[in-house]
C-alpha atoms as a PDB file:
ATOM      1  CA  MET A   1     -60.080  72.928 -78.635  1.00  0.00           C
ATOM      2  CA  LYS A   2     -61.027  69.681 -80.351  1.00  0.00           C
ATOM      3  CA  GLY A   3     -57.727  69.762 -82.193  1.00  0.00           C
ATOM      4  CA  ARG A   4     -55.777  70.255 -78.972  1.00  0.00           C
ATOM      5  CA  ALA A   5     -57.664  67.394 -77.310  1.00  0.00           C
ATOM      6  CA  ALA A   6     -56.803  65.121 -80.257  1.00  0.00           C
ATOM      7  CA  GLU A   7     -53.154  66.153 -79.973  1.00  0.00           C
ATOM      8  CA  LEU A   8     -53.076  65.256 -76.301  1.00  0.00           C
ATOM      9  CA  THR A   9     -54.729  61.883 -76.972  1.00  0.00           C
ATOM     10  CA  SER A  10     -52.258  61.152 -79.749  1.00  0.00           C
ATOM     11  CA  GLU A  11     -49.305  62.101 -77.508  1.00  0.00           C
ATOM     12  CA  ALA A  12     -50.537  59.859 -74.732  1.00  0.00           C
ATOM     13  CA  ARG A  13     -50.725  56.859 -77.099  1.00  0.00           C
ATOM     14  CA  ARG A  14     -47.208  57.318 -78.376  1.00  0.00           C
ATOM     15  CA  SER A  15     -44.254  55.911 -76.458  1.00  0.00           C
ATOM     16  CA  LYS A  16     -41.474  58.130 -75.126  1.00  0.00           C
ATOM     17  CA  SER A  17     -39.041  56.828 -77.753  1.00  0.00           C
ATOM     18  CA  ALA A  18     -37.463  58.045 -80.938  1.00  0.00           C
ATOM     19  CA  ASP A  19     -40.595  56.799 -82.711  1.00  0.00           C
ATOM     20  CA  LYS A  20     -42.574  59.451 -80.856  1.00  0.00           C
ATOM     21  CA  ALA A  21     -40.170  62.209 -81.919  1.00  0.00           C
ATOM     22  CA  ALA A  22     -40.287  61.027 -85.537  1.00  0.00           C
ATOM     23  CA  ALA A  23     -44.112  60.820 -85.451  1.00  0.00           C
ATOM     24  CA  ASP A  24     -44.321  64.325 -83.935  1.00  0.00           C
ATOM     25  CA  GLU A  25     -42.095  65.723 -86.668  1.00  0.00           C
ATOM     26  CA  ARG A  26     -44.162  63.966 -89.351  1.00  0.00           C
ATOM     27  CA  ASP A  27     -47.274  65.574 -87.856  1.00  0.00           C
ATOM     28  CA  VAL A  28     -45.667  69.022 -87.982  1.00  0.00           C
ATOM     29  CA  LEU A  29     -44.452  68.557 -91.577  1.00  0.00           C
ATOM     30  CA  ALA A  30     -47.891  67.303 -92.634  1.00  0.00           C
ATOM     31  CA  LYS A  31     -49.530  70.351 -91.031  1.00  0.00           C
ATOM     32  CA  ILE A  32     -47.074  72.639 -92.838  1.00  0.00           C
ATOM     33  CA  GLY A  33     -47.797  70.829 -96.090  1.00  0.00           C
ATOM     34  CA  ASP A  34     -51.525  71.483 -95.650  1.00  0.00           C
ATOM     35  CA  MET A  35     -51.066  75.245 -95.316  1.00  0.00           C
ATOM     36  CA  ALA A  36     -51.876  77.707 -98.054  1.00  0.00           C
ATOM     37  CA  PRO A  37     -48.823  78.512-100.275  1.00  0.00           C
ATOM     38  CA  PRO A  38     -47.760  81.824 -98.662  1.00  0.00           C
ATOM     39  CA  ASP A  39     -47.912  80.436 -95.125  1.00  0.00           C
ATOM     40  CA  ARG A  40     -46.415  77.129 -96.214  1.00  0.00           C
ATOM     41  CA  ALA A  41     -43.304  78.811 -97.584  1.00  0.00           C
ATOM     42  CA  VAL A  42     -42.793  80.796 -94.357  1.00  0.00           C
ATOM     43  CA  ALA A  43     -43.500  77.749 -92.157  1.00  0.00           C
ATOM     44  CA  GLU A  44     -41.113  75.489 -94.111  1.00  0.00           C
ATOM     45  CA  ARG A  45     -38.288  78.041 -93.846  1.00  0.00           C
ATOM     46  CA  LEU A  46     -39.071  78.688 -90.207  1.00  0.00           C
ATOM     47  CA  HIS A  47     -38.983  74.946 -89.487  1.00  0.00           C
ATOM     48  CA  ALA A  48     -35.530  74.769 -91.087  1.00  0.00           C
ATOM     49  CA  ILE A  49     -34.312  77.799 -89.067  1.00  0.00           C
ATOM     50  CA  VAL A  50     -35.554  76.390 -85.761  1.00  0.00           C
ATOM     51  CA  THR A  51     -34.117  72.896 -86.348  1.00  0.00           C
ATOM     52  CA  GLU A  52     -30.757  74.330 -87.407  1.00  0.00           C
ATOM     53  CA  THR A  53     -30.469  77.001 -84.675  1.00  0.00           C
ATOM     54  CA  ALA A  54     -31.994  75.085 -81.773  1.00  0.00           C
ATOM     55  CA  PRO A  55     -31.601  71.365 -82.551  1.00  0.00           C
ATOM     56  CA  ASP A  56     -32.539  70.433 -78.952  1.00  0.00           C
ATOM     57  CA  LEU A  57     -36.098  71.714 -79.572  1.00  0.00           C
ATOM     58  CA  ALA A  58     -38.457  68.940 -80.638  1.00  0.00           C
ATOM     59  CA  PRO A  59     -41.126  69.664 -83.260  1.00  0.00           C
ATOM     60  CA  LYS A  60     -44.740  68.949 -82.179  1.00  0.00           C
ATOM     61  CA  LEU A  61     -48.246  70.186 -82.869  1.00  0.00           C
ATOM     62  CA  TRP A  62     -49.618  72.681 -80.379  1.00  0.00           C
ATOM     63  CA  TYR A  63     -53.204  73.796 -80.786  1.00  0.00           C
ATOM     64  CA  GLY A  64     -53.071  72.386 -84.293  1.00  0.00           C
ATOM     65  CA  GLN A  65     -50.062  74.459 -85.331  1.00  0.00           C
ATOM     66  CA  PRO A  66     -46.279  73.786 -85.562  1.00  0.00           C
ATOM     67  CA  ALA A  67     -44.394  74.303 -82.340  1.00  0.00           C
ATOM     68  CA  TYR A  68     -41.033  73.396 -80.840  1.00  0.00           C
ATOM     69  CA  ALA A  69     -40.596  72.092 -77.314  1.00  0.00           C
ATOM     70  CA  ARG A  70     -37.925  71.227 -74.779  1.00  0.00           C
ATOM     71  CA  GLY A  71     -38.677  68.735 -72.058  1.00  0.00           C
ATOM     72  CA  GLY A  72     -42.302  68.602 -73.198  1.00  0.00           C
ATOM     73  CA  LYS A  73     -42.811  72.371 -72.787  1.00  0.00           C
ATOM     74  CA  VAL A  74     -43.395  74.465 -75.892  1.00  0.00           C
ATOM     75  CA  VAL A  75     -40.761  77.151 -76.301  1.00  0.00           C
ATOM     76  CA  CYS A  76     -41.830  78.671 -79.639  1.00  0.00           C
ATOM     77  CA  PHE A  77     -44.581  78.253 -82.190  1.00  0.00           C
ATOM     78  CA  PHE A  78     -45.846  79.294 -85.625  1.00  0.00           C
ATOM     79  CA  ARG A  79     -49.467  80.243 -86.156  1.00  0.00           C
ATOM     80  CA  SER A  80     -50.776  80.439 -89.709  1.00  0.00           C
ATOM     81  CA  GLY A  81     -52.545  83.681 -90.531  1.00  0.00           C
ATOM     82  CA  GLN A  82     -54.848  81.776 -92.876  1.00  0.00           C
ATOM     83  CA  VAL A  83     -56.252  79.837 -89.887  1.00  0.00           C
ATOM     84  CA  ASP A  84     -57.230  83.072 -88.159  1.00  0.00           C
ATOM     85  CA  LYS A  85     -58.167  84.861 -91.367  1.00  0.00           C
ATOM     86  CA  GLU A  86     -55.461  87.436 -90.631  1.00  0.00           C
ATOM     87  CA  ARG A  87     -53.176  89.190 -93.101  1.00  0.00           C
ATOM     88  CA  TYR A  88     -50.094  87.905 -91.275  1.00  0.00           C
ATOM     89  CA  SER A  89     -48.870  84.762 -89.524  1.00  0.00           C
ATOM     90  CA  THR A  90     -47.315  84.778 -86.081  1.00  0.00           C
ATOM     91  CA  PHE A  91     -44.059  83.406 -84.680  1.00  0.00           C
ATOM     92  CA  GLY A  92     -44.153  83.472 -80.931  1.00  0.00           C
ATOM     93  CA  PHE A  93     -42.564  82.361 -77.706  1.00  0.00           C
ATOM     94  CA  THR A  94     -44.061  80.939 -74.549  1.00  0.00           C
ATOM     95  CA  PRO A  95     -42.925  81.638 -70.943  1.00  0.00           C
ATOM     96  CA  ALA A  96     -40.632  78.587 -71.307  1.00  0.00           C
ATOM     97  CA  ALA A  97     -38.431  80.711 -73.573  1.00  0.00           C
ATOM     98  CA  LYS A  98     -35.715  82.603 -71.768  1.00  0.00           C
ATOM     99  CA  LEU A  99     -36.178  85.979 -73.369  1.00  0.00           C
ATOM    100  CA  ASP A 100     -36.281  88.098 -70.243  1.00  0.00           C
ATOM    101  CA  GLU A 101     -34.526  91.404 -70.846  1.00  0.00           C
ATOM    102  CA  ASP A 102     -32.863  93.634 -68.279  1.00  0.00           C
ATOM    103  CA  HIS A 103     -35.454  96.368 -68.677  1.00  0.00           C
ATOM    104  CA  GLY A 104     -38.436  94.224 -67.701  1.00  0.00           C
ATOM    105  CA  MET A 105     -40.115  94.247 -71.139  1.00  0.00           C
ATOM    106  CA  TRP A 106     -39.723  92.021 -74.184  1.00  0.00           C
ATOM    107  CA  ALA A 107     -41.756  90.905 -77.205  1.00  0.00           C
ATOM    108  CA  THR A 108     -43.315  87.428 -77.110  1.00  0.00           C
ATOM    109  CA  SER A 109     -44.662  87.229 -80.673  1.00  0.00           C
ATOM    110  CA  PHE A 110     -43.950  88.654 -84.094  1.00  0.00           C
ATOM    111  CA  ALA A 111     -46.070  89.139 -87.191  1.00  0.00           C
ATOM    112  CA  LEU A 112     -44.694  87.447 -90.310  1.00  0.00           C
ATOM    113  CA  THR A 113     -45.671  87.919 -93.941  1.00  0.00           C
ATOM    114  CA  GLU A 114     -42.335  86.704 -95.333  1.00  0.00           C
ATOM    115  CA  LEU A 115     -38.903  85.768 -94.049  1.00  0.00           C
ATOM    116  CA  SER A 116     -36.310  88.280 -95.248  1.00  0.00           C
ATOM    117  CA  ASP A 117     -32.612  87.836 -94.452  1.00  0.00           C
ATOM    118  CA  LYS A 118     -32.972  90.432 -91.687  1.00  0.00           C
ATOM    119  CA  ALA A 119     -35.965  88.576 -90.180  1.00  0.00           C
ATOM    120  CA  GLU A 120     -34.070  85.249 -90.308  1.00  0.00           C
ATOM    121  CA  THR A 121     -31.132  86.786 -88.474  1.00  0.00           C
ATOM    122  CA  ALA A 122     -33.436  88.236 -85.784  1.00  0.00           C
ATOM    123  CA  ILE A 123     -35.243  84.883 -85.358  1.00  0.00           C
ATOM    124  CA  ARG A 124     -31.958  83.022 -85.017  1.00  0.00           C
ATOM    125  CA  LYS A 125     -30.824  85.452 -82.317  1.00  0.00           C
ATOM    126  CA  LEU A 126     -34.153  85.154 -80.465  1.00  0.00           C
ATOM    127  CA  LEU A 127     -33.988  81.349 -80.647  1.00  0.00           C
ATOM    128  CA  THR A 128     -30.447  81.297 -79.332  1.00  0.00           C
ATOM    129  CA  ASN A 129     -31.518  83.453 -76.371  1.00  0.00           C
ATOM    130  CA  ALA A 130     -34.700  81.416 -75.829  1.00  0.00           C
ATOM    131  CA  VAL A 131     -32.855  78.143 -75.374  1.00  0.00           C
ATOM    132  CA  SER A 132     -29.785  79.464 -73.490  1.00  0.00           C
END
């Protein structure tokens, strides 16, 4: 919670300009750089996938972890497994993502240990749906 409070204070101090967006991205890249090697590799690749597939999503820290937002609302996020002492990391979506399926049920988060070609394809499809 302390980390989230610090994020909110930092956001409030920053202006609503391109400088804020650049600072937010630097914060995300710094957080990714501080991760343990297995999570760092996944987070770096995931950052590239999100910025390529959904360029309108802005990187920002959310609860101390990389996230991507539109209009100030987080759409998707990465949570390092090392932080939670879990054997996998998580890539997830918030209610701001438009993933609603016709059958009234859909996944909102996914366990990640690596990013295979198949996983990358699935993530790109989910991102495209989330921002549509």
